């Protein structure tokens, strides 16, 4: 019984929040298990026609890739609002949100 409680202590809110804070997006986007798991789930969702899951997976993976790219290049406002990295982040975010809206609300099967 103690073994079960020890296992469940890993899922306390403080432990989960510490684990989430320790995640590095740059490491995550280049992790082969994350990429493989995301690709496998996307293929399963595509074959099973789970449109909401597929759209969610692609949006999360796209946002993580966009955020990783932006953080890697640096986002300083020293250049003002004409920063190339900031414009890429905004344009990529608009494209991701547009794709999610299209696939969830506009496109019908």
Protein backbone atom coordinates (compact mmCIF):
# COMPACT_ATOMS: atom_id res chain seq x y z
CA UNK A 1 0.00 0.00 0.00
CA UNK A 2 2.88 2.36 0.77
CA UNK A 3 4.25 1.73 -2.70
CA UNK A 4 1.02 3.04 -4.23
CA UNK A 5 1.15 6.19 -2.11
CA UNK A 6 4.79 6.76 -3.04
CA UNK A 7 3.86 6.45 -6.71
CA UNK A 8 0.94 8.88 -6.35
CA UNK A 9 3.12 11.44 -4.52
CA UNK A 10 4.87 12.05 -7.83
CA UNK A 11 1.63 13.58 -9.11
CA UNK A 12 1.18 16.17 -6.37
CA UNK A 13 0.60 19.64 -7.72
CA UNK A 14 3.93 21.00 -6.45
CA UNK A 15 5.88 18.11 -7.99
CA UNK A 16 4.08 18.44 -11.33
CA UNK A 17 4.62 22.22 -11.39
CA UNK A 18 8.35 21.75 -10.61
CA UNK A 19 8.62 19.22 -13.43
CA UNK A 20 6.84 21.53 -15.88
CA UNK A 21 9.09 24.43 -14.87
CA UNK A 22 12.18 22.31 -15.49
CA UNK A 23 11.16 21.49 -19.08
CA UNK A 24 13.26 23.10 -21.80
CA UNK A 25 11.35 23.74 -25.04
CA UNK A 26 14.50 23.57 -27.14
CA UNK A 27 15.30 20.16 -25.71
CA UNK A 28 11.70 19.03 -26.09
CA UNK A 29 11.38 19.92 -29.78
CA UNK A 30 14.55 17.98 -30.57
CA UNK A 31 13.66 14.98 -28.39
CA UNK A 32 13.10 11.97 -30.63
CA UNK A 33 10.57 10.41 -28.24
CA UNK A 34 8.45 13.58 -28.22
CA UNK A 35 8.61 13.85 -32.00
CA UNK A 36 7.93 10.13 -32.49
CA UNK A 37 5.04 10.12 -30.06
CA UNK A 38 3.52 13.20 -31.62
CA UNK A 39 3.90 11.74 -35.12
CA UNK A 40 2.41 8.39 -34.05
CA UNK A 41 -0.57 10.08 -32.39
CA UNK A 42 -1.05 12.33 -35.44
CA UNK A 43 -1.05 9.32 -37.79
CA UNK A 44 -3.51 7.45 -35.56
CA UNK A 45 -5.76 10.54 -35.36
CA UNK A 46 -5.57 10.96 -39.14
CA UNK A 47 -6.47 7.33 -39.81
CA UNK A 48 -9.26 7.26 -37.22
CA UNK A 49 -10.54 10.68 -38.41
CA UNK A 50 -10.22 12.26 -34.96
CA UNK A 51 -10.11 15.82 -36.27
CA UNK A 52 -10.02 17.57 -32.87
CA UNK A 53 -7.09 15.47 -31.62
CA UNK A 54 -5.19 15.91 -34.88
CA UNK A 55 -5.71 19.67 -34.85
CA UNK A 56 -4.69 19.89 -31.20
CA UNK A 57 -1.53 17.87 -31.78
CA UNK A 58 -0.51 19.92 -34.78
CA UNK A 59 -1.25 23.20 -32.98
CA UNK A 60 0.74 22.23 -29.88
CA UNK A 61 3.67 20.89 -31.89
CA UNK A 62 3.63 23.96 -34.14
CA UNK A 63 3.48 26.34 -31.20
CA UNK A 64 6.35 24.56 -29.43
CA UNK A 65 8.43 24.70 -32.62
CA UNK A 66 7.58 28.38 -33.13
CA UNK A 67 8.38 29.24 -29.52
CA UNK A 68 11.63 27.26 -29.62
CA UNK A 69 12.69 29.01 -32.83
CA UNK A 70 11.83 32.41 -31.41
CA UNK A 71 13.62 31.80 -28.11
CA UNK A 72 16.68 30.48 -29.94
CA UNK A 73 16.98 33.61 -32.10
CA UNK A 74 16.25 35.96 -29.20
CA UNK A 75 13.39 38.37 -28.87
CA UNK A 76 14.57 41.75 -27.76
CA UNK A 77 12.61 44.91 -28.24
CA UNK A 78 15.80 46.94 -28.55
CA UNK A 79 15.17 47.10 -32.28
CA UNK A 80 11.63 48.29 -31.68
CA UNK A 81 8.60 46.59 -33.14
CA UNK A 82 10.45 45.98 -36.42
CA UNK A 83 12.31 42.98 -34.97
CA UNK A 84 12.37 40.13 -37.52
CA UNK A 85 12.02 37.51 -34.79
CA UNK A 86 9.00 39.22 -33.31
CA UNK A 87 7.36 39.48 -36.72
CA UNK A 88 8.01 35.77 -37.39
CA UNK A 89 6.49 34.89 -34.01
CA UNK A 90 3.37 36.99 -34.63
CA UNK A 91 2.92 35.77 -38.22
CA UNK A 92 3.46 32.14 -37.19
CA UNK A 93 0.98 32.50 -34.34
CA UNK A 94 -1.63 34.01 -36.64
CA UNK A 95 -1.06 31.19 -39.15
CA UNK A 96 -1.41 28.53 -36.43
CA UNK A 97 -4.58 30.08 -35.04
CA UNK A 98 -5.99 30.44 -38.56
CA UNK A 99 -5.26 26.77 -39.31
CA UNK A 100 -6.89 25.66 -36.05
CA UNK A 101 -10.00 27.74 -36.73
CA UNK A 102 -10.19 26.41 -40.29
CA UNK A 103 -9.81 22.74 -39.35
CA UNK A 104 -12.12 22.87 -36.33
CA UNK A 105 -14.91 25.19 -37.45
CA UNK A 106 -14.89 25.81 -41.19
CA UNK A 107 -13.87 22.55 -42.85
CA UNK A 108 -16.45 19.78 -42.87
CA UNK A 109 -15.86 16.17 -43.84
